[in-house]
């Protein structure tokens, strides 16, 4: 019996359909333009590639079996999301609506969007848990070497992610005209910042229980 490829595709599709930090960052970046949206998406998937490599060499399983290391990843991820959230929210209250928002908006380059997508994914414990707990359910003992199966499933995950993010980028671009309005842009940043901050705070709070 081989790998249940379609079942794996279904699980990955559900994972991408549930909005999370990557979704929020890519949608916001793509609302600034195609280049920033693509930059955030490429950054997120490069981070996912790092998780694939870690899973292939067994580091994800090591992290899952040593809670103190996974706790550190979660706390770092939570702090980073809090930082991003604050960075989005604070300028909307301190800058003039006709000039300040534009100045803040200009800082969103393809490079900065790439960095946000990359580090948001790298510090996302859900990715670690996925490769340590979910992906092994699709491995077939006695088939191809385990590391090859992990690498193949991980590569499929990355490819499917690019498809999902292409849809999100297209949606963000459709919203770009609306985002040119200062009031809409400021409230968008506030909502996105609160969402990211809440996710980050939730990750940290869970570790304190």
C-alpha atoms as a PDB file:
ATOM      1  CA  UNK A   1       0.000   0.000   0.000  1.00  0.00           C
ATOM      2  CA  UNK A   2       1.418   3.375  -1.026  1.00  0.00           C
ATOM      3  CA  UNK A   3       1.091   6.870   0.363  1.00  0.00           C
ATOM      4  CA  UNK A   4      -2.478   8.219   0.467  1.00  0.00           C
ATOM      5  CA  UNK A   5      -1.658  11.249  -1.648  1.00  0.00           C
ATOM      6  CA  UNK A   6      -5.214  12.538  -2.012  1.00  0.00           C
ATOM      7  CA  UNK A   7      -5.856  12.243   1.705  1.00  0.00           C
ATOM      8  CA  UNK A   8      -2.675  14.219   2.342  1.00  0.00           C
ATOM      9  CA  UNK A   9      -3.754  16.876  -0.171  1.00  0.00           C
ATOM     10  CA  UNK A  10      -7.081  17.168   1.659  1.00  0.00           C
ATOM     11  CA  UNK A  11      -5.425  17.628   5.044  1.00  0.00           C
ATOM     12  CA  UNK A  12      -3.004  20.239   3.688  1.00  0.00           C
ATOM     13  CA  UNK A  13      -5.834  22.094   1.930  1.00  0.00           C
ATOM     14  CA  UNK A  14      -7.768  22.347   5.188  1.00  0.00           C
ATOM     15  CA  UNK A  15      -4.641  23.607   6.954  1.00  0.00           C
ATOM     16  CA  UNK A  16      -4.212  26.389   4.381  1.00  0.00           C
ATOM     17  CA  UNK A  17      -7.910  27.281   4.434  1.00  0.00           C
ATOM     18  CA  UNK A  18      -7.781  28.035   8.162  1.00  0.00           C
ATOM     19  CA  UNK A  19      -6.505  31.652   8.399  1.00  0.00           C
ATOM     20  CA  UNK A  20      -3.359  32.046  10.457  1.00  0.00           C
ATOM     21  CA  UNK A  21      -0.325  34.338  10.716  1.00  0.00           C
ATOM     22  CA  UNK A  22       0.942  33.484   7.218  1.00  0.00           C
ATOM     23  CA  UNK A  23      -2.483  34.200   5.737  1.00  0.00           C
ATOM     24  CA  UNK A  24      -2.714  37.586   7.489  1.00  0.00           C
ATOM     25  CA  UNK A  25       0.784  38.685   6.457  1.00  0.00           C
ATOM     26  CA  UNK A  26       0.379  37.630   2.808  1.00  0.00           C
ATOM     27  CA  UNK A  27      -3.076  39.172   2.436  1.00  0.00           C
ATOM     28  CA  UNK A  28      -1.928  42.484   3.899  1.00  0.00           C
ATOM     29  CA  UNK A  29       1.248  42.526   1.795  1.00  0.00           C
ATOM     30  CA  UNK A  30      -0.589  41.730  -1.430  1.00  0.00           C
ATOM     31  CA  UNK A  31      -3.001  44.595  -0.766  1.00  0.00           C
ATOM     32  CA  UNK A  32       0.067  46.843  -1.124  1.00  0.00           C
ATOM     33  CA  UNK A  33       0.900  45.408  -4.539  1.00  0.00           C
ATOM     34  CA  UNK A  34       1.828  42.297  -6.488  1.00  0.00           C
ATOM     35  CA  UNK A  35       5.555  42.432  -5.656  1.00  0.00           C
ATOM     36  CA  UNK A  36       5.013  42.722  -1.912  1.00  0.00           C
ATOM     37  CA  UNK A  37       2.373  39.991  -1.966  1.00  0.00           C
ATOM     38  CA  UNK A  38       4.622  37.633  -3.900  1.00  0.00           C
ATOM     39  CA  UNK A  39       7.531  38.542  -1.615  1.00  0.00           C
ATOM     40  CA  UNK A  40       5.554  37.584   1.502  1.00  0.00           C
ATOM     41  CA  UNK A  41       4.327  34.347  -0.104  1.00  0.00           C
ATOM     42  CA  UNK A  42       7.827  33.330  -1.218  1.00  0.00           C
ATOM     43  CA  UNK A  43       9.177  34.137   2.247  1.00  0.00           C
ATOM     44  CA  UNK A  44       6.515  32.008   3.925  1.00  0.00           C
ATOM     45  CA  UNK A  45       7.167  29.064   1.636  1.00  0.00           C
ATOM     46  CA  UNK A  46      10.930  29.363   2.064  1.00  0.00           C
ATOM     47  CA  UNK A  47      10.311  29.110   5.787  1.00  0.00           C
ATOM     48  CA  UNK A  48       8.197  26.043   5.107  1.00  0.00           C
ATOM     49  CA  UNK A  49      11.081  24.572   3.100  1.00  0.00           C
ATOM     50  CA  UNK A  50      13.229  24.954   6.212  1.00  0.00           C
ATOM     51  CA  UNK A  51      10.630  22.973   8.162  1.00  0.00           C
ATOM     52  CA  UNK A  52      10.694  20.293   5.459  1.00  0.00           C
ATOM     53  CA  UNK A  53      14.472  20.030   5.769  1.00  0.00           C
ATOM     54  CA  UNK A  54      14.220  19.834   9.565  1.00  0.00           C
ATOM     55  CA  UNK A  55      11.583  17.117   9.317  1.00  0.00           C
ATOM     56  CA  UNK A  56      13.665  15.188   6.807  1.00  0.00           C
ATOM     57  CA  UNK A  57      16.653  15.087   9.154  1.00  0.00           C
ATOM     58  CA  UNK A  58      14.461  14.443  12.170  1.00  0.00           C
ATOM     59  CA  UNK A  59      14.713  17.780  13.976  1.00  0.00           C
ATOM     60  CA  UNK A  60      10.951  18.359  14.012  1.00  0.00           C
ATOM     61  CA  UNK A  61      10.441  15.064  15.804  1.00  0.00           C
ATOM     62  CA  UNK A  62      13.195  15.985  18.273  1.00  0.00           C
ATOM     63  CA  UNK A  63      11.480  19.304  18.980  1.00  0.00           C
ATOM     64  CA  UNK A  64       8.125  17.598  19.490  1.00  0.00           C
ATOM     65  CA  UNK A  65       9.647  15.068  21.910  1.00  0.00           C
ATOM     66  CA  UNK A  66      11.463  17.742  23.931  1.00  0.00           C
ATOM     67  CA  UNK A  67       8.729  20.134  25.116  1.00  0.00           C
ATOM     68  CA  UNK A  68      11.223  22.685  26.437  1.00  0.00           C
ATOM     69  CA  UNK A  69      12.578  23.269  22.916  1.00  0.00           C
ATOM     70  CA  UNK A  70       9.110  23.510  21.408  1.00  0.00           C
ATOM     71  CA  UNK A  71       8.140  25.894  24.197  1.00  0.00           C
ATOM     72  CA  UNK A  72      11.030  28.155  23.218  1.00  0.00           C
ATOM     73  CA  UNK A  73       9.862  28.103  19.581  1.00  0.00           C
ATOM     74  CA  UNK A  74       6.321  28.989  20.611  1.00  0.00           C
ATOM     75  CA  UNK A  75       7.414  31.854  22.857  1.00  0.00           C
ATOM     76  CA  UNK A  76       9.723  33.286  20.193  1.00  0.00           C
ATOM     77  CA  UNK A  77       6.941  32.986  17.628  1.00  0.00           C
ATOM     78  CA  UNK A  78       4.456  34.652  19.970  1.00  0.00           C
ATOM     79  CA  UNK A  79       6.831  37.527  20.708  1.00  0.00           C
ATOM     80  CA  UNK A  80       7.506  38.039  17.009  1.00  0.00           C
ATOM     81  CA  UNK A  81       3.784  38.179  16.221  1.00  0.00           C
ATOM     82  CA  UNK A  82       3.285  40.659  19.062  1.00  0.00           C
ATOM     83  CA  UNK A  83       6.092  42.766  17.608  1.00  0.00           C
ATOM     84  CA  UNK A  84       4.559  42.686  14.123  1.00  0.00           C
ATOM     85  CA  UNK A  85       1.136  43.533  15.505  1.00  0.00           C
ATOM     86  CA  UNK A  86       2.465  46.491  17.457  1.00  0.00           C
ATOM     87  CA  UNK A  87       4.481  47.672  14.478  1.00  0.00           C
ATOM     88  CA  UNK A  88       1.303  47.749  12.392  1.00  0.00           C
ATOM     89  CA  UNK A  89      -0.936  49.381  14.973  1.00  0.00           C
ATOM     90  CA  UNK A  90       1.211  52.130  16.510  1.00  0.00           C
ATOM     91  CA  UNK A  91       1.861  54.204  13.337  1.00  0.00           C
ATOM     92  CA  UNK A  92      -1.883  54.401  12.639  1.00  0.00           C
ATOM     93  CA  UNK A  93      -2.335  56.475  15.805  1.00  0.00           C
ATOM     94  CA  UNK A  94       0.737  58.714  15.502  1.00  0.00           C
ATOM     95  CA  UNK A  95       0.818  59.685  11.842  1.00  0.00           C
ATOM     96  CA  UNK A  96      -1.305  62.205   9.982  1.00  0.00           C
ATOM     97  CA  UNK A  97      -4.059  60.511   7.948  1.00  0.00           C
ATOM     98  CA  UNK A  98      -3.069  62.215   4.700  1.00  0.00           C
ATOM     99  CA  UNK A  99       0.698  61.897   4.900  1.00  0.00           C
ATOM    100  CA  UNK A 100       1.718  59.584   7.739  1.00  0.00           C
ATOM    101  CA  UNK A 101      -0.069  56.527   6.418  1.00  0.00           C
ATOM    102  CA  UNK A 102       1.484  56.996   3.036  1.00  0.00           C
ATOM    103  CA  UNK A 103       4.938  57.249   4.570  1.00  0.00           C
ATOM    104  CA  UNK A 104       4.305  54.078   6.556  1.00  0.00           C
ATOM    105  CA  UNK A 105       2.934  52.367   3.468  1.00  0.00           C
ATOM    106  CA  UNK A 106       6.060  53.148   1.461  1.00  0.00           C
ATOM    107  CA  UNK A 107       8.111  51.141   3.947  1.00  0.00           C
ATOM    108  CA  UNK A 108       6.364  47.968   2.802  1.00  0.00           C
ATOM    109  CA  UNK A 109       8.806  46.761   0.165  1.00  0.00           C
ATOM    110  CA  UNK A 110       9.090  43.330  -1.400  1.00  0.00           C
ATOM    111  CA  UNK A 111      12.133  42.713   0.795  1.00  0.00           C
ATOM    112  CA  UNK A 112      10.393  43.604   4.055  1.00  0.00           C
ATOM    113  CA  UNK A 113       7.333  41.559   3.043  1.00  0.00           C
ATOM    114  CA  UNK A 114       9.632  38.621   2.286  1.00  0.00           C
ATOM    115  CA  UNK A 115      11.264  38.901   5.720  1.00  0.00           C
ATOM    116  CA  UNK A 116       7.905  39.061   7.505  1.00  0.00           C
ATOM    117  CA  UNK A 117       6.615  36.016   5.637  1.00  0.00           C
ATOM    118  CA  UNK A 118       9.839  34.089   6.269  1.00  0.00           C
ATOM    119  CA  UNK A 119      10.141  34.685  10.014  1.00  0.00           C
ATOM    120  CA  UNK A 120       6.406  34.354  10.651  1.00  0.00           C
ATOM    121  CA  UNK A 121       6.523  30.860   9.163  1.00  0.00           C
ATOM    122  CA  UNK A 122       9.825  29.871  10.774  1.00  0.00           C
ATOM    123  CA  UNK A 123       8.504  30.697  14.251  1.00  0.00           C
ATOM    124  CA  UNK A 124       5.115  29.102  13.646  1.00  0.00           C
ATOM    125  CA  UNK A 125       4.918  26.044  15.969  1.00  0.00           C
ATOM    126  CA  UNK A 126       1.986  24.713  13.947  1.00  0.00           C
ATOM    127  CA  UNK A 127       4.412  23.905  11.142  1.00  0.00           C
ATOM    128  CA  UNK A 128       6.686  21.995  13.534  1.00  0.00           C
ATOM    129  CA  UNK A 129       3.777  20.019  14.938  1.00  0.00           C
ATOM    130  CA  UNK A 130       2.409  19.303  11.475  1.00  0.00           C
ATOM    131  CA  UNK A 131       5.631  17.672  10.313  1.00  0.00           C
ATOM    132  CA  UNK A 132       6.188  15.903  13.635  1.00  0.00           C
ATOM    133  CA  UNK A 133       2.660  14.621  14.314  1.00  0.00           C
ATOM    134  CA  UNK A 134       0.468  14.822  11.188  1.00  0.00           C
ATOM    135  CA  UNK A 135       2.818  14.020   8.330  1.00  0.00           C
ATOM    136  CA  UNK A 136       4.086  10.748   9.891  1.00  0.00           C
ATOM    137  CA  UNK A 137       0.531   9.380   9.640  1.00  0.00           C
ATOM    138  CA  UNK A 138       0.990   9.228   5.862  1.00  0.00           C
ATOM    139  CA  UNK A 139       4.346   7.444   5.868  1.00  0.00           C
ATOM    140  CA  UNK A 140       4.389   3.839   4.627  1.00  0.00           C
ATOM    141  CA  UNK A 141       6.723   1.427   6.437  1.00  0.00           C
ATOM    142  CA  UNK A 142       8.543  -0.922   4.115  1.00  0.00           C
ATOM    143  CA  UNK A 143       8.213   1.389   1.138  1.00  0.00           C
ATOM    144  CA  UNK A 144      10.690   4.000  -0.002  1.00  0.00           C
ATOM    145  CA  UNK A 145      13.168   5.244   2.627  1.00  0.00           C
ATOM    146  CA  UNK A 146      11.377   7.344   5.243  1.00  0.00           C
ATOM    147  CA  UNK A 147      13.426  10.445   4.535  1.00  0.00           C
ATOM    148  CA  UNK A 148      12.439  10.278   0.867  1.00  0.00           C
ATOM    149  CA  UNK A 149       8.747   9.977   1.778  1.00  0.00           C
ATOM    150  CA  UNK A 150       9.005  12.951   4.166  1.00  0.00           C
ATOM    151  CA  UNK A 151      10.802  15.036   1.553  1.00  0.00           C
ATOM    152  CA  UNK A 152       8.213  14.150  -1.126  1.00  0.00           C
ATOM    153  CA  UNK A 153       5.246  14.964   1.114  1.00  0.00           C
ATOM    154  CA  UNK A 154       6.934  18.153   2.276  1.00  0.00           C
ATOM    155  CA  UNK A 155       7.608  19.250  -1.294  1.00  0.00           C
ATOM    156  CA  UNK A 156       3.964  18.638  -2.168  1.00  0.00           C
ATOM    157  CA  UNK A 157       2.978  20.771   0.831  1.00  0.00           C
ATOM    158  CA  UNK A 158       5.185  23.617  -0.434  1.00  0.00           C
ATOM    159  CA  UNK A 159       3.720  23.400  -3.954  1.00  0.00           C
ATOM    160  CA  UNK A 160       0.147  23.371  -2.652  1.00  0.00           C
ATOM    161  CA  UNK A 161       1.013  26.363  -0.500  1.00  0.00           C
ATOM    162  CA  UNK A 162       2.068  28.385  -3.528  1.00  0.00           C
ATOM    163  CA  UNK A 163      -1.309  27.598  -5.116  1.00  0.00           C
ATOM    164  CA  UNK A 164      -3.169  28.674  -1.978  1.00  0.00           C
ATOM    165  CA  UNK A 165      -1.127  31.854  -1.581  1.00  0.00           C
ATOM    166  CA  UNK A 166      -1.660  32.726  -5.260  1.00  0.00           C
ATOM    167  CA  UNK A 167      -5.378  32.904  -4.487  1.00  0.00           C
ATOM    168  CA  UNK A 168      -4.726  35.037  -1.395  1.00  0.00           C
ATOM    169  CA  UNK A 169      -2.427  37.376  -3.350  1.00  0.00           C
ATOM    170  CA  UNK A 170      -5.073  37.762  -6.057  1.00  0.00           C
ATOM    171  CA  UNK A 171      -7.638  38.615  -3.373  1.00  0.00           C
ATOM    172  CA  UNK A 172      -5.284  41.150  -1.815  1.00  0.00           C
ATOM    173  CA  UNK A 173      -4.658  42.812  -5.176  1.00  0.00           C
ATOM    174  CA  UNK A 174      -8.409  43.125  -5.686  1.00  0.00           C
ATOM    175  CA  UNK A 175      -8.503  44.994  -2.386  1.00  0.00           C
ATOM    176  CA  UNK A 176      -5.625  47.307  -3.338  1.00  0.00           C
ATOM    177  CA  UNK A 177      -7.907  50.007  -4.774  1.00  0.00           C
ATOM    178  CA  UNK A 178      -9.855  50.072  -1.538  1.00  0.00           C
ATOM    179  CA  UNK A 179      -6.615  50.201   0.423  1.00  0.00           C
ATOM    180  CA  UNK A 180      -5.641  53.488  -1.229  1.00  0.00           C
ATOM    181  CA  UNK A 181      -8.152  55.184   1.057  1.00  0.00           C
ATOM    182  CA  UNK A 182      -6.317  56.363   4.169  1.00  0.00           C
ATOM    183  CA  UNK A 183      -9.108  55.505   6.586  1.00  0.00           C
ATOM    184  CA  UNK A 184      -9.504  51.997   5.199  1.00  0.00           C
ATOM    185  CA  UNK A 185      -5.766  51.433   5.196  1.00  0.00           C
ATOM    186  CA  UNK A 186      -5.361  52.547   8.802  1.00  0.00           C
ATOM    187  CA  UNK A 187      -8.213  50.359  10.028  1.00  0.00           C
ATOM    188  CA  UNK A 188      -6.909  47.447   7.965  1.00  0.00           C
ATOM    189  CA  UNK A 189      -3.543  47.739   9.685  1.00  0.00           C
ATOM    190  CA  UNK A 190      -5.224  47.959  13.076  1.00  0.00           C
ATOM    191  CA  UNK A 191      -7.342  44.852  12.487  1.00  0.00           C
ATOM    192  CA  UNK A 192      -4.381  42.919  11.063  1.00  0.00           C
ATOM    193  CA  UNK A 193      -2.162  44.072  13.928  1.00  0.00           C
ATOM    194  CA  UNK A 194      -4.728  43.067  16.536  1.00  0.00           C
ATOM    195  CA  UNK A 195      -5.149  39.679  14.836  1.00  0.00           C
ATOM    196  CA  UNK A 196      -1.410  39.001  14.800  1.00  0.00           C
ATOM    197  CA  UNK A 197      -0.990  40.282  18.343  1.00  0.00           C
ATOM    198  CA  UNK A 198      -3.849  38.115  19.578  1.00  0.00           C
ATOM    199  CA  UNK A 199      -2.351  35.037  17.930  1.00  0.00           C
ATOM    200  CA  UNK A 200       1.027  35.833  19.461  1.00  0.00           C
ATOM    201  CA  UNK A 201      -0.412  36.509  22.897  1.00  0.00           C
ATOM    202  CA  UNK A 202      -2.421  33.311  22.709  1.00  0.00           C
ATOM    203  CA  UNK A 203       0.691  31.282  21.901  1.00  0.00           C
ATOM    204  CA  UNK A 204       2.524  32.742  24.901  1.00  0.00           C
ATOM    205  CA  UNK A 205      -0.484  32.358  27.229  1.00  0.00           C
ATOM    206  CA  UNK A 206      -0.815  28.672  26.364  1.00  0.00           C
ATOM    207  CA  UNK A 207       2.758  28.086  27.495  1.00  0.00           C
ATOM    208  CA  UNK A 208       2.074  29.635  30.913  1.00  0.00           C
ATOM    209  CA  UNK A 209      -0.709  27.192  31.767  1.00  0.00           C
END
